[in-house]
Amino acid sequence: MSKYVDGFVLVVPKDKVEDYKKMAAEGKETWMRHGALAYYECMGNDLETKEMGGMKPLSFVKLANAGENDSVWFSFIVFKSKAHRDEVNANVMKEMAEKYDETKDMSMPFDVNQMAYGGFSVEVEG
């Protein structure tokens, strides 16, 4: 059975990176406790695109519309299947709703409008 991945690209202001890392560490603990197979939060550190066979691909910085005071993150969570992802995420969202019920106006260390998210079926695995 092929695995399933939730993937994210987001922009975190450089002065909010430590706040984001704390939030991400808490997220990792929560998703793993509810059954995720793996959880990764990756901060870009080599995002200058290089020419490839006469073509220059779009950079993550441009894709995410990040400024010079921003960091670009690529994050992903691995699950057994899409059904497993749906089950795990439902449990995570329930826990988060209960835990943060009183902090609905909590400020995030990133702009949600600069975040891309999607679910992906793993087609080639190594």
PDB file of N, CA and C in Angstrom:
ATOM      1  N   MET A   1       0.840  -1.175   0.000  1.00  0.00           N
ATOM      2  CA  MET A   1       0.000   0.000   0.000  1.00  0.00           C
ATOM      3  C   MET A   1       0.888   1.242   0.000  1.00  0.00           C
ATOM      4  N   SER A   2       0.551   2.187  -0.834  1.00  0.00           N
ATOM      5  CA  SER A   2       1.335   3.402  -0.958  1.00  0.00           C
ATOM      6  C   SER A   2       1.050   4.366   0.195  1.00  0.00           C
ATOM      7  N   LYS A   3       2.058   5.083   0.609  1.00  0.00           N
ATOM      8  CA  LYS A   3       1.898   6.066   1.685  1.00  0.00           C
ATOM      9  C   LYS A   3       1.235   7.327   1.160  1.00  0.00           C
ATOM     10  N   TYR A   4       0.870   8.211   2.072  1.00  0.00           N
ATOM     11  CA  TYR A   4       0.223   9.474   1.749  1.00  0.00           C
ATOM     12  C   TYR A   4       0.935  10.580   2.514  1.00  0.00           C
ATOM     13  N   VAL A   5       1.059  11.753   1.895  1.00  0.00           N
ATOM     14  CA  VAL A   5       1.799  12.869   2.489  1.00  0.00           C
ATOM     15  C   VAL A   5       0.957  14.135   2.452  1.00  0.00           C
ATOM     16  N   ASP A   6       0.901  14.851   3.561  1.00  0.00           N
ATOM     17  CA  ASP A   6       0.398  16.221   3.575  1.00  0.00           C
ATOM     18  C   ASP A   6       1.621  17.111   3.456  1.00  0.00           C
ATOM     19  N   GLY A   7       1.615  18.022   2.495  1.00  0.00           N
ATOM     20  CA  GLY A   7       2.756  18.905   2.271  1.00  0.00           C
ATOM     21  C   GLY A   7       2.372  20.359   2.431  1.00  0.00           C
ATOM     22  N   PHE A   8       3.330  21.152   2.884  1.00  0.00           N
ATOM     23  CA  PHE A   8       3.119  22.573   3.140  1.00  0.00           C
ATOM     24  C   PHE A   8       4.325  23.367   2.646  1.00  0.00           C
ATOM     25  N   VAL A   9       4.081  24.527   2.078  1.00  0.00           N
ATOM     26  CA  VAL A   9       5.122  25.525   1.840  1.00  0.00           C
ATOM     27  C   VAL A   9       4.613  26.777   2.535  1.00  0.00           C
ATOM     28  N   LEU A  10       5.433  27.345   3.405  1.00  0.00           N
ATOM     29  CA  LEU A  10       5.004  28.535   4.114  1.00  0.00           C
ATOM     30  C   LEU A  10       6.151  29.504   4.318  1.00  0.00           C
ATOM     31  N   VAL A  11       5.778  30.734   4.605  1.00  0.00           N
ATOM     32  CA  VAL A  11       6.731  31.822   4.805  1.00  0.00           C
ATOM     33  C   VAL A  11       6.692  32.217   6.269  1.00  0.00           C
ATOM     34  N   VAL A  12       7.858  32.219   6.909  1.00  0.00           N
ATOM     35  CA  VAL A  12       7.962  32.621   8.315  1.00  0.00           C
ATOM     36  C   VAL A  12       8.918  33.800   8.391  1.00  0.00           C
ATOM     37  N   PRO A  13       8.475  34.939   8.928  1.00  0.00           N
ATOM     38  CA  PRO A  13       9.413  36.049   9.100  1.00  0.00           C
ATOM     39  C   PRO A  13      10.610  35.587   9.936  1.00  0.00           C
ATOM     40  N   LYS A  14      11.795  36.037   9.547  1.00  0.00           N
ATOM     41  CA  LYS A  14      13.017  35.585  10.234  1.00  0.00           C
ATOM     42  C   LYS A  14      12.979  35.871  11.726  1.00  0.00           C
ATOM     43  N   ASP A  15      12.323  36.949  12.126  1.00  0.00           N
ATOM     44  CA  ASP A  15      12.266  37.257  13.557  1.00  0.00           C
ATOM     45  C   ASP A  15      11.220  36.420  14.298  1.00  0.00           C
ATOM     46  N   LYS A  16      10.518  35.539  13.588  1.00  0.00           N
ATOM     47  CA  LYS A  16       9.521  34.647  14.205  1.00  0.00           C
ATOM     48  C   LYS A  16       9.912  33.178  14.098  1.00  0.00           C
ATOM     49  N   VAL A  17      11.123  32.900  13.602  1.00  0.00           N
ATOM     50  CA  VAL A  17      11.546  31.513  13.391  1.00  0.00           C
ATOM     51  C   VAL A  17      11.532  30.705  14.681  1.00  0.00           C
ATOM     52  N   GLU A  18      12.038  31.255  15.757  1.00  0.00           N
ATOM     53  CA  GLU A  18      12.065  30.504  17.021  1.00  0.00           C
ATOM     54  C   GLU A  18      10.655  30.206  17.505  1.00  0.00           C
ATOM     55  N   ASP A  19       9.736  31.171  17.355  1.00  0.00           N
ATOM     56  CA  ASP A  19       8.339  30.935  17.720  1.00  0.00           C
ATOM     57  C   ASP A  19       7.751  29.818  16.864  1.00  0.00           C
ATOM     58  N   TYR A  20       8.069  29.838  15.566  1.00  0.00           N
ATOM     59  CA  TYR A  20       7.550  28.803  14.672  1.00  0.00           C
ATOM     60  C   TYR A  20       8.115  27.431  15.042  1.00  0.00           C
ATOM     61  N   LYS A  21       9.403  27.379  15.365  1.00  0.00           N
ATOM     62  CA  LYS A  21      10.007  26.096  15.741  1.00  0.00           C
ATOM     63  C   LYS A  21       9.331  25.505  16.974  1.00  0.00           C
ATOM     64  N   LYS A  22       8.985  26.343  17.944  1.00  0.00           N
ATOM     65  CA  LYS A  22       8.280  25.859  19.136  1.00  0.00           C
ATOM     66  C   LYS A  22       6.917  25.302  18.758  1.00  0.00           C
ATOM     67  N   MET A  23       6.209  26.032  17.883  1.00  0.00           N
ATOM     68  CA  MET A  23       4.904  25.578  17.435  1.00  0.00           C
ATOM     69  C   MET A  23       5.035  24.267  16.660  1.00  0.00           C
ATOM     70  N   ALA A  24       6.046  24.174  15.813  1.00  0.00           N
ATOM     71  CA  ALA A  24       6.273  22.977  15.003  1.00  0.00           C
ATOM     72  C   ALA A  24       6.616  21.775  15.886  1.00  0.00           C
ATOM     73  N   ALA A  25       7.420  21.988  16.918  1.00  0.00           N
ATOM     74  CA  ALA A  25       7.777  20.885  17.823  1.00  0.00           C
ATOM     75  C   ALA A  25       6.533  20.349  18.527  1.00  0.00           C
ATOM     76  N   GLU A  26       5.649  21.244  18.923  1.00  0.00           N
ATOM     77  CA  GLU A  26       4.393  20.821  19.547  1.00  0.00           C
ATOM     78  C   GLU A  26       3.529  20.079  18.523  1.00  0.00           C
ATOM     79  N   GLY A  27       3.509  20.584  17.286  1.00  0.00           N
ATOM     80  CA  GLY A  27       2.761  19.907  16.227  1.00  0.00           C
ATOM     81  C   GLY A  27       3.290  18.508  15.987  1.00  0.00           C
ATOM     82  N   LYS A  28       4.605  18.375  15.946  1.00  0.00           N
ATOM     83  CA  LYS A  28       5.216  17.052  15.733  1.00  0.00           C
ATOM     84  C   LYS A  28       4.765  16.080  16.813  1.00  0.00           C
ATOM     85  N   GLU A  29       4.860  16.505  18.065  1.00  0.00           N
ATOM     86  CA  GLU A  29       4.454  15.620  19.166  1.00  0.00           C
ATOM     87  C   GLU A  29       2.997  15.193  19.003  1.00  0.00           C
ATOM     88  N   THR A  30       2.146  16.126  18.625  1.00  0.00           N
ATOM     89  CA  THR A  30       0.713  15.827  18.495  1.00  0.00           C
ATOM     90  C   THR A  30       0.451  14.867  17.342  1.00  0.00           C
ATOM     91  N   TRP A  31       0.997  15.177  16.148  1.00  0.00           N
ATOM     92  CA  TRP A  31       0.739  14.301  14.998  1.00  0.00           C
ATOM     93  C   TRP A  31       1.318  12.898  15.217  1.00  0.00           C
ATOM     94  N   MET A  32       2.510  12.825  15.787  1.00  0.00           N
ATOM     95  CA  MET A  32       3.125  11.511  16.013  1.00  0.00           C
ATOM     96  C   MET A  32       2.341  10.713  17.061  1.00  0.00           C
ATOM     97  N   ARG A  33       1.859  11.373  18.088  1.00  0.00           N
ATOM     98  CA  ARG A  33       1.072  10.704  19.125  1.00  0.00           C
ATOM     99  C   ARG A  33      -0.217  10.122  18.539  1.00  0.00           C
ATOM    100  N   HIS A  34      -0.756  10.782  17.515  1.00  0.00           N
ATOM    101  CA  HIS A  34      -2.002  10.312  16.903  1.00  0.00           C
ATOM    102  C   HIS A  34      -1.766   9.358  15.737  1.00  0.00           C
ATOM    103  N   GLY A  35      -0.494   9.005  15.450  1.00  0.00           N
ATOM    104  CA  GLY A  35      -0.241   7.943  14.499  1.00  0.00           C
ATOM    105  C   GLY A  35       0.474   8.295  13.211  1.00  0.00           C
ATOM    106  N   ALA A  36       0.864   9.560  13.008  1.00  0.00           N
ATOM    107  CA  ALA A  36       1.629   9.889  11.802  1.00  0.00           C
ATOM    108  C   ALA A  36       2.910   9.056  11.792  1.00  0.00           C
ATOM    109  N   LEU A  37       3.365   8.692  10.598  1.00  0.00           N
ATOM    110  CA  LEU A  37       4.583   7.886  10.475  1.00  0.00           C
ATOM    111  C   LEU A  37       5.845   8.730  10.581  1.00  0.00           C
ATOM    112  N   ALA A  38       5.789   9.965  10.093  1.00  0.00           N
ATOM    113  CA  ALA A  38       6.947  10.873  10.137  1.00  0.00           C
ATOM    114  C   ALA A  38       6.444  12.303  10.014  1.00  0.00           C
ATOM    115  N   TYR A  39       7.232  13.233  10.542  1.00  0.00           N
ATOM    116  CA  TYR A  39       6.860  14.651  10.546  1.00  0.00           C
ATOM    117  C   TYR A  39       8.134  15.442  10.325  1.00  0.00           C
ATOM    118  N   TYR A  40       8.139  16.306   9.302  1.00  0.00           N
ATOM    119  CA  TYR A  40       9.329  17.094   8.969  1.00  0.00           C
ATOM    120  C   TYR A  40       8.990  18.563   8.820  1.00  0.00           C
ATOM    121  N   GLU A  41       9.805  19.410   9.391  1.00  0.00           N
ATOM    122  CA  GLU A  41       9.738  20.860   9.213  1.00  0.00           C
ATOM    123  C   GLU A  41      11.105  21.277   8.694  1.00  0.00           C
ATOM    124  N   CYS A  42      11.164  21.781   7.474  1.00  0.00           N
ATOM    125  CA  CYS A  42      12.442  22.063   6.809  1.00  0.00           C
ATOM    126  C   CYS A  42      12.525  23.539   6.419  1.00  0.00           C
ATOM    127  N   MET A  43      13.536  24.228   6.927  1.00  0.00           N
ATOM    128  CA  MET A  43      13.732  25.635   6.597  1.00  0.00           C
ATOM    129  C   MET A  43      14.723  25.741   5.446  1.00  0.00           C
ATOM    130  N   GLY A  44      14.338  26.486   4.415  1.00  0.00           N
ATOM    131  CA  GLY A  44      15.196  26.651   3.244  1.00  0.00           C
ATOM    132  C   GLY A  44      16.506  27.339   3.581  1.00  0.00           C
ATOM    133  N   ASN A  45      17.603  26.826   3.043  1.00  0.00           N
ATOM    134  CA  ASN A  45      18.896  27.475   3.225  1.00  0.00           C
ATOM    135  C   ASN A  45      19.712  27.494   1.937  1.00  0.00           C
ATOM    136  N   ASP A  46      19.161  26.954   0.855  1.00  0.00           N
ATOM    137  CA  ASP A  46      19.811  26.978  -0.455  1.00  0.00           C
ATOM    138  C   ASP A  46      18.706  27.120  -1.498  1.00  0.00           C
ATOM    139  N   LEU A  47      18.166  28.320  -1.608  1.00  0.00           N
ATOM    140  CA  LEU A  47      16.980  28.530  -2.426  1.00  0.00           C
ATOM    141  C   LEU A  47      17.250  29.305  -3.713  1.00  0.00           C
ATOM    142  N   GLU A  48      18.507  29.566  -3.999  1.00  0.00           N
ATOM    143  CA  GLU A  48      18.852  30.198  -5.277  1.00  0.00           C
ATOM    144  C   GLU A  48      18.765  29.140  -6.366  1.00  0.00           C
ATOM    145  N   THR A  49      17.914  29.364  -7.347  1.00  0.00           N
ATOM    146  CA  THR A  49      17.786  28.375  -8.409  1.00  0.00           C
ATOM    147  C   THR A  49      18.965  28.478  -9.366  1.00  0.00           C
ATOM    148  N   LYS A  50      19.316  27.351  -9.904  1.00  0.00           N
ATOM    149  CA  LYS A  50      20.419  27.266 -10.851  1.00  0.00           C
ATOM    150  C   LYS A  50      19.872  26.792 -12.190  1.00  0.00           C
ATOM    151  N   GLU A  51      20.516  27.213 -13.249  1.00  0.00           N
ATOM    152  CA  GLU A  51      20.093  26.792 -14.573  1.00  0.00           C
ATOM    153  C   GLU A  51      20.218  25.273 -14.701  1.00  0.00           C
ATOM    154  N   MET A  52      19.214  24.683 -15.329  1.00  0.00           N
ATOM    155  CA  MET A  52      19.188  23.231 -15.511  1.00  0.00           C
ATOM    156  C   MET A  52      18.906  22.944 -16.981  1.00  0.00           C
ATOM    157  N   GLY A  53      19.929  22.619 -17.734  1.00  0.00           N
ATOM    158  CA  GLY A  53      19.743  22.289 -19.143  1.00  0.00           C
ATOM    159  C   GLY A  53      19.154  23.420 -19.958  1.00  0.00           C
ATOM    160  N   GLY A  54      19.578  24.639 -19.682  1.00  0.00           N
ATOM    161  CA  GLY A  54      19.083  25.797 -20.421  1.00  0.00           C
ATOM    162  C   GLY A  54      17.824  26.421 -19.845  1.00  0.00           C
ATOM    163  N   MET A  55      17.261  25.815 -18.797  1.00  0.00           N
ATOM    164  CA  MET A  55      16.060  26.362 -18.157  1.00  0.00           C
ATOM    165  C   MET A  55      16.376  26.704 -16.709  1.00  0.00           C
ATOM    166  N   LYS A  56      15.729  27.731 -16.199  1.00  0.00           N
ATOM    167  CA  LYS A  56      15.894  28.093 -14.797  1.00  0.00           C
ATOM    168  C   LYS A  56      14.533  27.943 -14.111  1.00  0.00           C
ATOM    169  N   PRO A  57      14.425  26.980 -13.202  1.00  0.00           N
ATOM    170  CA  PRO A  57      13.136  26.753 -12.538  1.00  0.00           C
ATOM    171  C   PRO A  57      12.755  27.908 -11.607  1.00  0.00           C
ATOM    172  N   LEU A  58      11.485  27.958 -11.274  1.00  0.00           N
ATOM    173  CA  LEU A  58      10.953  28.931 -10.327  1.00  0.00           C
ATOM    174  C   LEU A  58      11.508  28.637  -8.938  1.00  0.00           C
ATOM    175  N   SER A  59      11.936  29.665  -8.225  1.00  0.00           N
ATOM    176  CA  SER A  59      12.470  29.464  -6.872  1.00  0.00           C
ATOM    177  C   SER A  59      11.327  29.379  -5.859  1.00  0.00           C
ATOM    178  N   PHE A  60      11.574  28.703  -4.763  1.00  0.00           N
ATOM    179  CA  PHE A  60      10.599  28.656  -3.687  1.00  0.00           C
ATOM    180  C   PHE A  60      10.334  30.060  -3.154  1.00  0.00           C
ATOM    181  N   VAL A  61      11.349  30.909  -3.137  1.00  0.00           N
ATOM    182  CA  VAL A  61      11.186  32.279  -2.642  1.00  0.00           C
ATOM    183  C   VAL A  61      10.140  33.005  -3.486  1.00  0.00           C
ATOM    184  N   LYS A  62      10.264  32.894  -4.795  1.00  0.00           N
ATOM    185  CA  LYS A  62       9.306  33.551  -5.690  1.00  0.00           C
ATOM    186  C   LYS A  62       7.936  32.872  -5.601  1.00  0.00           C
ATOM    187  N   LEU A  63       7.922  31.567  -5.595  1.00  0.00           N
ATOM    188  CA  LEU A  63       6.680  30.816  -5.489  1.00  0.00           C
ATOM    189  C   LEU A  63       5.887  31.236  -4.253  1.00  0.00           C
ATOM    190  N   ALA A  64       6.580  31.407  -3.139  1.00  0.00           N
ATOM    191  CA  ALA A  64       5.934  31.733  -1.869  1.00  0.00           C
ATOM    192  C   ALA A  64       5.782  33.237  -1.657  1.00  0.00           C
ATOM    193  N   ASN A  65       6.299  34.036  -2.604  1.00  0.00           N
ATOM    194  CA  ASN A  65       6.252  35.492  -2.494  1.00  0.00           C
ATOM    195  C   ASN A  65       6.900  35.964  -1.191  1.00  0.00           C
ATOM    196  N   ALA A  66       8.060  35.399  -0.879  1.00  0.00           N
ATOM    197  CA  ALA A  66       8.781  35.723   0.347  1.00  0.00           C
ATOM    198  C   ALA A  66       9.693  36.929   0.128  1.00  0.00           C
ATOM    199  N   GLY A  67       9.830  37.732   1.156  1.00  0.00           N
ATOM    200  CA  GLY A  67      10.713  38.888   1.123  1.00  0.00           C
ATOM    201  C   GLY A  67      12.073  38.565   1.714  1.00  0.00           C
ATOM    202  N   GLU A  68      12.964  39.533   1.705  1.00  0.00           N
ATOM    203  CA  GLU A  68      14.322  39.289   2.212  1.00  0.00           C
ATOM    204  C   GLU A  68      14.366  39.066   3.717  1.00  0.00           C
ATOM    205  N   ASN A  69      13.338  39.473   4.435  1.00  0.00           N
ATOM    206  CA  ASN A  69      13.290  39.248   5.880  1.00  0.00           C
ATOM    207  C   ASN A  69      12.462  38.018   6.245  1.00  0.00           C
ATOM    208  N   ASP A  70      12.231  37.159   5.251  1.00  0.00           N
ATOM    209  CA  ASP A  70      11.429  35.954   5.451  1.00  0.00           C
ATOM    210  C   ASP A  70      12.267  34.698   5.249  1.00  0.00           C
ATOM    211  N   SER A  71      11.830  33.622   5.872  1.00  0.00           N
ATOM    212  CA  SER A  71      12.382  32.300   5.598  1.00  0.00           C
ATOM    213  C   SER A  71      11.272  31.474   4.952  1.00  0.00           C
ATOM    214  N   VAL A  72      11.665  30.562   4.075  1.00  0.00           N
ATOM    215  CA  VAL A  72      10.700  29.705   3.394  1.00  0.00           C
ATOM    216  C   VAL A  72      10.848  28.293   3.961  1.00  0.00           C
ATOM    217  N   TRP A  73       9.729  27.703   4.296  1.00  0.00           N
ATOM    218  CA  TRP A  73       9.701  26.375   4.896  1.00  0.00           C
ATOM    219  C   TRP A  73       8.966  25.405   3.984  1.00  0.00           C
ATOM    220  N   PHE A  74       9.488  24.193   3.922  1.00  0.00           N
ATOM    221  CA  PHE A  74       8.845  23.073   3.239  1.00  0.00           C
ATOM    222  C   PHE A  74       8.632  22.029   4.314  1.00  0.00           C
ATOM    223  N   SER A  75       7.398  21.687   4.559  1.00  0.00           N
ATOM    224  CA  SER A  75       7.084  20.781   5.657  1.00  0.00           C
ATOM    225  C   SER A  75       6.175  19.668   5.163  1.00  0.00           C
ATOM    226  N   PHE A  76       6.318  18.491   5.765  1.00  0.00           N
ATOM    227  CA  PHE A  76       5.449  17.397   5.348  1.00  0.00           C
ATOM    228  C   PHE A  76       5.284  16.372   6.457  1.00  0.00           C
ATOM    229  N   ILE A  77       4.117  15.715   6.403  1.00  0.00           N
ATOM    230  CA  ILE A  77       3.761  14.686   7.369  1.00  0.00           C
ATOM    231  C   ILE A  77       3.422  13.430   6.563  1.00  0.00           C
ATOM    232  N   VAL A  78       3.947  12.290   6.994  1.00  0.00           N
ATOM    233  CA  VAL A  78       3.760  11.035   6.266  1.00  0.00           C
ATOM    234  C   VAL A  78       2.753  10.152   7.011  1.00  0.00           C
ATOM    235  N   PHE A  79       1.855   9.552   6.225  1.00  0.00           N
ATOM    236  CA  PHE A  79       0.813   8.678   6.757  1.00  0.00           C
ATOM    237  C   PHE A  79       0.806   7.348   5.999  1.00  0.00           C
ATOM    238  N   LYS A  80       0.099   6.344   6.537  1.00  0.00           N
ATOM    239  CA  LYS A  80      -0.015   5.040   5.877  1.00  0.00           C
ATOM    240  C   LYS A  80      -0.815   5.140   4.583  1.00  0.00           C
ATOM    241  N   SER A  81      -1.847   5.985   4.578  1.00  0.00           N
ATOM    242  CA  SER A  81      -2.761   6.103   3.440  1.00  0.00           C
ATOM    243  C   SER A  81      -3.557   7.395   3.608  1.00  0.00           C
ATOM    244  N   LYS A  82      -4.361   7.710   2.613  1.00  0.00           N
ATOM    245  CA  LYS A  82      -5.220   8.898   2.714  1.00  0.00           C
ATOM    246  C   LYS A  82      -6.240   8.711   3.837  1.00  0.00           C
ATOM    247  N   ALA A  83      -6.807   7.514   3.950  1.00  0.00           N
ATOM    248  CA  ALA A  83      -7.769   7.236   5.016  1.00  0.00           C
ATOM    249  C   ALA A  83      -7.101   7.394   6.394  1.00  0.00           C
ATOM    250  N   HIS A  84      -5.873   6.912   6.518  1.00  0.00           N
ATOM    251  CA  HIS A  84      -5.126   7.061   7.769  1.00  0.00           C
ATOM    252  C   HIS A  84      -4.888   8.533   8.056  1.00  0.00           C
ATOM    253  N   ARG A  85      -4.521   9.313   7.000  1.00  0.00           N
ATOM    254  CA  ARG A  85      -4.323  10.762   7.164  1.00  0.00           C
ATOM    255  C   ARG A  85      -5.593  11.405   7.691  1.00  0.00           C
ATOM    256  N   ASP A  86      -6.737  11.059   7.090  1.00  0.00           N
ATOM    257  CA  ASP A  86      -8.008  11.658   7.508  1.00  0.00           C
ATOM    258  C   ASP A  86      -8.312  11.339   8.969  1.00  0.00           C
ATOM    259  N   GLU A  87      -8.043  10.108   9.372  1.00  0.00           N
ATOM    260  CA  GLU A  87      -8.279   9.690  10.760  1.00  0.00           C
ATOM    261  C   GLU A  87      -7.348  10.432  11.724  1.00  0.00           C
ATOM    262  N   VAL A  88      -6.062  10.462  11.408  1.00  0.00           N
ATOM    263  CA  VAL A  88      -5.087  11.138  12.269  1.00  0.00           C
ATOM    264  C   VAL A  88      -5.413  12.630  12.364  1.00  0.00           C
ATOM    265  N   ASN A  89      -5.656  13.274  11.216  1.00  0.00           N
ATOM    266  CA  ASN A  89      -5.934  14.709  11.225  1.00  0.00           C
ATOM    267  C   ASN A  89      -7.210  15.044  11.992  1.00  0.00           C
ATOM    268  N   ALA A  90      -8.230  14.200  11.909  1.00  0.00           N
ATOM    269  CA  ALA A  90      -9.464  14.433  12.674  1.00  0.00           C
ATOM    270  C   ALA A  90      -9.166  14.421  14.169  1.00  0.00           C
ATOM    271  N   ASN A  91      -8.347  13.473  14.608  1.00  0.00           N
ATOM    272  CA  ASN A  91      -7.984  13.403  16.024  1.00  0.00           C
ATOM    273  C   ASN A  91      -7.118  14.583  16.449  1.00  0.00           C
ATOM    274  N   VAL A  92      -6.199  14.985  15.587  1.00  0.00           N
ATOM    275  CA  VAL A  92      -5.337  16.142  15.891  1.00  0.00           C
ATOM    276  C   VAL A  92      -6.190  17.403  15.990  1.00  0.00           C
ATOM    277  N   MET A  93      -7.072  17.615  15.028  1.00  0.00           N
ATOM    278  CA  MET A  93      -7.906  18.824  15.033  1.00  0.00           C
ATOM    279  C   MET A  93      -8.821  18.858  16.255  1.00  0.00           C
ATOM    280  N   LYS A  94      -9.347  17.700  16.651  1.00  0.00           N
ATOM    281  CA  LYS A  94     -10.184  17.642  17.852  1.00  0.00           C
ATOM    282  C   LYS A  94      -9.377  18.048  19.085  1.00  0.00           C
ATOM    283  N   GLU A  95      -8.173  17.485  19.205  1.00  0.00           N
ATOM    284  CA  GLU A  95      -7.324  17.834  20.342  1.00  0.00           C
ATOM    285  C   GLU A  95      -6.970  19.318  20.338  1.00  0.00           C
ATOM    286  N   MET A  96      -6.599  19.839  19.172  1.00  0.00           N
ATOM    287  CA  MET A  96      -6.217  21.256  19.077  1.00  0.00           C
ATOM    288  C   MET A  96      -7.399  22.167  19.415  1.00  0.00           C
ATOM    289  N   ALA A  97      -8.604  21.803  18.948  1.00  0.00           N
ATOM    290  CA  ALA A  97      -9.788  22.612  19.231  1.00  0.00           C
ATOM    291  C   ALA A  97     -10.055  22.677  20.731  1.00  0.00           C
ATOM    292  N   GLU A  98      -9.894  21.545  21.401  1.00  0.00           N
ATOM    293  CA  GLU A  98     -10.100  21.507  22.856  1.00  0.00           C
ATOM    294  C   GLU A  98      -9.008  22.281  23.580  1.00  0.00           C
ATOM    295  N   LYS A  99      -7.773  22.083  23.154  1.00  0.00           N
ATOM    296  CA  LYS A  99      -6.632  22.691  23.835  1.00  0.00           C
ATOM    297  C   LYS A  99      -6.593  24.209  23.665  1.00  0.00           C
ATOM    298  N   TYR A 100      -6.953  24.667  22.482  1.00  0.00           N
ATOM    299  CA  TYR A 100      -6.831  26.090  22.187  1.00  0.00           C
ATOM    300  C   TYR A 100      -8.172  26.799  22.107  1.00  0.00           C
ATOM    301  N   ASP A 101      -9.209  26.216  22.704  1.00  0.00           N
ATOM    302  CA  ASP A 101     -10.545  26.799  22.665  1.00  0.00           C
ATOM    303  C   ASP A 101     -10.555  28.241  23.167  1.00  0.00           C
ATOM    304  N   GLU A 102      -9.782  28.514  24.209  1.00  0.00           N
ATOM    305  CA  GLU A 102      -9.779  29.852  24.804  1.00  0.00           C
ATOM    306  C   GLU A 102      -8.830  30.810  24.089  1.00  0.00           C
ATOM    307  N   THR A 103      -8.061  30.328  23.144  1.00  0.00           N
ATOM    308  CA  THR A 103      -7.082  31.187  22.465  1.00  0.00           C
ATOM    309  C   THR A 103      -7.365  31.280  20.965  1.00  0.00           C
ATOM    310  N   LYS A 104      -8.629  31.438  20.602  1.00  0.00           N
ATOM    311  CA  LYS A 104      -9.012  31.498  19.187  1.00  0.00           C
ATOM    312  C   LYS A 104      -8.353  32.666  18.462  1.00  0.00           C
ATOM    313  N   ASP A 105      -8.020  33.724  19.174  1.00  0.00           N
ATOM    314  CA  ASP A 105      -7.391  34.892  18.560  1.00  0.00           C
ATOM    315  C   ASP A 105      -5.876  34.850  18.679  1.00  0.00           C
ATOM    316  N   MET A 106      -5.335  33.662  18.914  1.00  0.00           N
ATOM    317  CA  MET A 106      -3.895  33.475  19.048  1.00  0.00           C
ATOM    318  C   MET A 106      -3.183  33.928  17.768  1.00  0.00           C
ATOM    319  N   SER A 107      -2.118  34.695  17.928  1.00  0.00           N
ATOM    320  CA  SER A 107      -1.390  35.137  16.732  1.00  0.00           C
ATOM    321  C   SER A 107      -0.437  34.027  16.282  1.00  0.00           C
ATOM    322  N   MET A 108      -0.386  33.836  14.980  1.00  0.00           N
ATOM    323  CA  MET A 108       0.463  32.805  14.394  1.00  0.00           C
ATOM    324  C   MET A 108       1.812  33.424  14.034  1.00  0.00           C
ATOM    325  N   PRO A 109       2.899  32.641  14.081  1.00  0.00           N
ATOM    326  CA  PRO A 109       4.216  33.174  13.718  1.00  0.00           C
ATOM    327  C   PRO A 109       4.441  33.214  12.204  1.00  0.00           C
ATOM    328  N   PHE A 110       3.379  33.085  11.433  1.00  0.00           N
ATOM    329  CA  PHE A 110       3.470  33.179   9.972  1.00  0.00           C
ATOM    330  C   PHE A 110       2.114  33.633   9.442  1.00  0.00           C
ATOM    331  N   ASP A 111       2.097  34.106   8.205  1.00  0.00           N
ATOM    332  CA  ASP A 111       0.876  34.566   7.558  1.00  0.00           C
ATOM    333  C   ASP A 111       0.234  33.383   6.831  1.00  0.00           C
ATOM    334  N   VAL A 112      -0.933  32.973   7.281  1.00  0.00           N
ATOM    335  CA  VAL A 112      -1.624  31.827   6.690  1.00  0.00           C
ATOM    336  C   VAL A 112      -1.900  32.065   5.200  1.00  0.00           C
ATOM    337  N   ASN A 113      -2.034  33.317   4.796  1.00  0.00           N
ATOM    338  CA  ASN A 113      -2.277  33.627   3.386  1.00  0.00           C
ATOM    339  C   ASN A 113      -1.058  33.355   2.509  1.00  0.00           C
ATOM    340  N   GLN A 114       0.103  33.121   3.118  1.00  0.00           N
ATOM    341  CA  GLN A 114       1.315  32.769   2.366  1.00  0.00           C
ATOM    342  C   GLN A 114       1.677  31.308   2.574  1.00  0.00           C
ATOM    343  N   MET A 115       0.677  30.486   2.869  1.00  0.00           N
ATOM    344  CA  MET A 115       0.905  29.065   3.070  1.00  0.00           C
ATOM    345  C   MET A 115       0.163  28.289   1.990  1.00  0.00           C
ATOM    346  N   ALA A 116       0.831  27.313   1.414  1.00  0.00           N
ATOM    347  CA  ALA A 116       0.186  26.390   0.480  1.00  0.00           C
ATOM    348  C   ALA A 116       0.142  25.021   1.156  1.00  0.00           C
ATOM    349  N   TYR A 117      -0.937  24.292   0.938  1.00  0.00           N
ATOM    350  CA  TYR A 117      -1.128  22.997   1.583  1.00  0.00           C
ATOM    351  C   TYR A 117      -1.815  22.058   0.604  1.00  0.00           C
ATOM    352  N   GLY A 118      -1.449  20.795   0.668  1.00  0.00           N
ATOM    353  CA  GLY A 118      -2.135  19.799  -0.134  1.00  0.00           C
ATOM    354  C   GLY A 118      -1.784  18.389   0.295  1.00  0.00           C
ATOM    355  N   GLY A 119      -2.643  17.458  -0.093  1.00  0.00           N
ATOM    356  CA  GLY A 119      -2.406  16.040   0.158  1.00  0.00           C
ATOM    357  C   GLY A 119      -1.887  15.375  -1.102  1.00  0.00           C
ATOM    358  N   PHE A 120      -0.918  14.480  -0.940  1.00  0.00           N
ATOM    359  CA  PHE A 120      -0.238  13.858  -2.078  1.00  0.00           C
ATOM    360  C   PHE A 120      -0.138  12.342  -1.881  1.00  0.00           C
ATOM    361  N   SER A 121      -0.506  11.594  -2.906  1.00  0.00           N
ATOM    362  CA  SER A 121      -0.285  10.144  -2.858  1.00  0.00           C
ATOM    363  C   SER A 121       1.161   9.897  -3.279  1.00  0.00           C
ATOM    364  N   VAL A 122       1.836   9.024  -2.568  1.00  0.00           N
ATOM    365  CA  VAL A 122       3.218   8.685  -2.888  1.00  0.00           C
ATOM    366  C   VAL A 122       3.200   7.722  -4.066  1.00  0.00           C
ATOM    367  N   GLU A 123       3.807   8.118  -5.159  1.00  0.00           N
ATOM    368  CA  GLU A 123       3.807   7.317  -6.377  1.00  0.00           C
ATOM    369  C   GLU A 123       5.122   6.582  -6.582  1.00  0.00           C
ATOM    370  N   VAL A 124       6.218   7.146  -6.084  1.00  0.00           N
ATOM    371  CA  VAL A 124       7.531   6.497  -6.157  1.00  0.00           C
ATOM    372  C   VAL A 124       8.149   6.651  -4.775  1.00  0.00           C
ATOM    373  N   GLU A 125       8.604   5.547  -4.233  1.00  0.00           N
ATOM    374  CA  GLU A 125       9.176   5.584  -2.882  1.00  0.00           C
ATOM    375  C   GLU A 125      10.555   4.944  -2.923  1.00  0.00           C
ATOM    376  N   GLY A 126      11.486   5.532  -2.189  1.00  0.00           N
ATOM    377  CA  GLY A 126      12.831   4.981  -2.184  1.00  0.00           C
ATOM    378  C   GLY A 126      13.322   4.661  -0.828  1.00  0.00           C
TER     379      GLY A 126
END
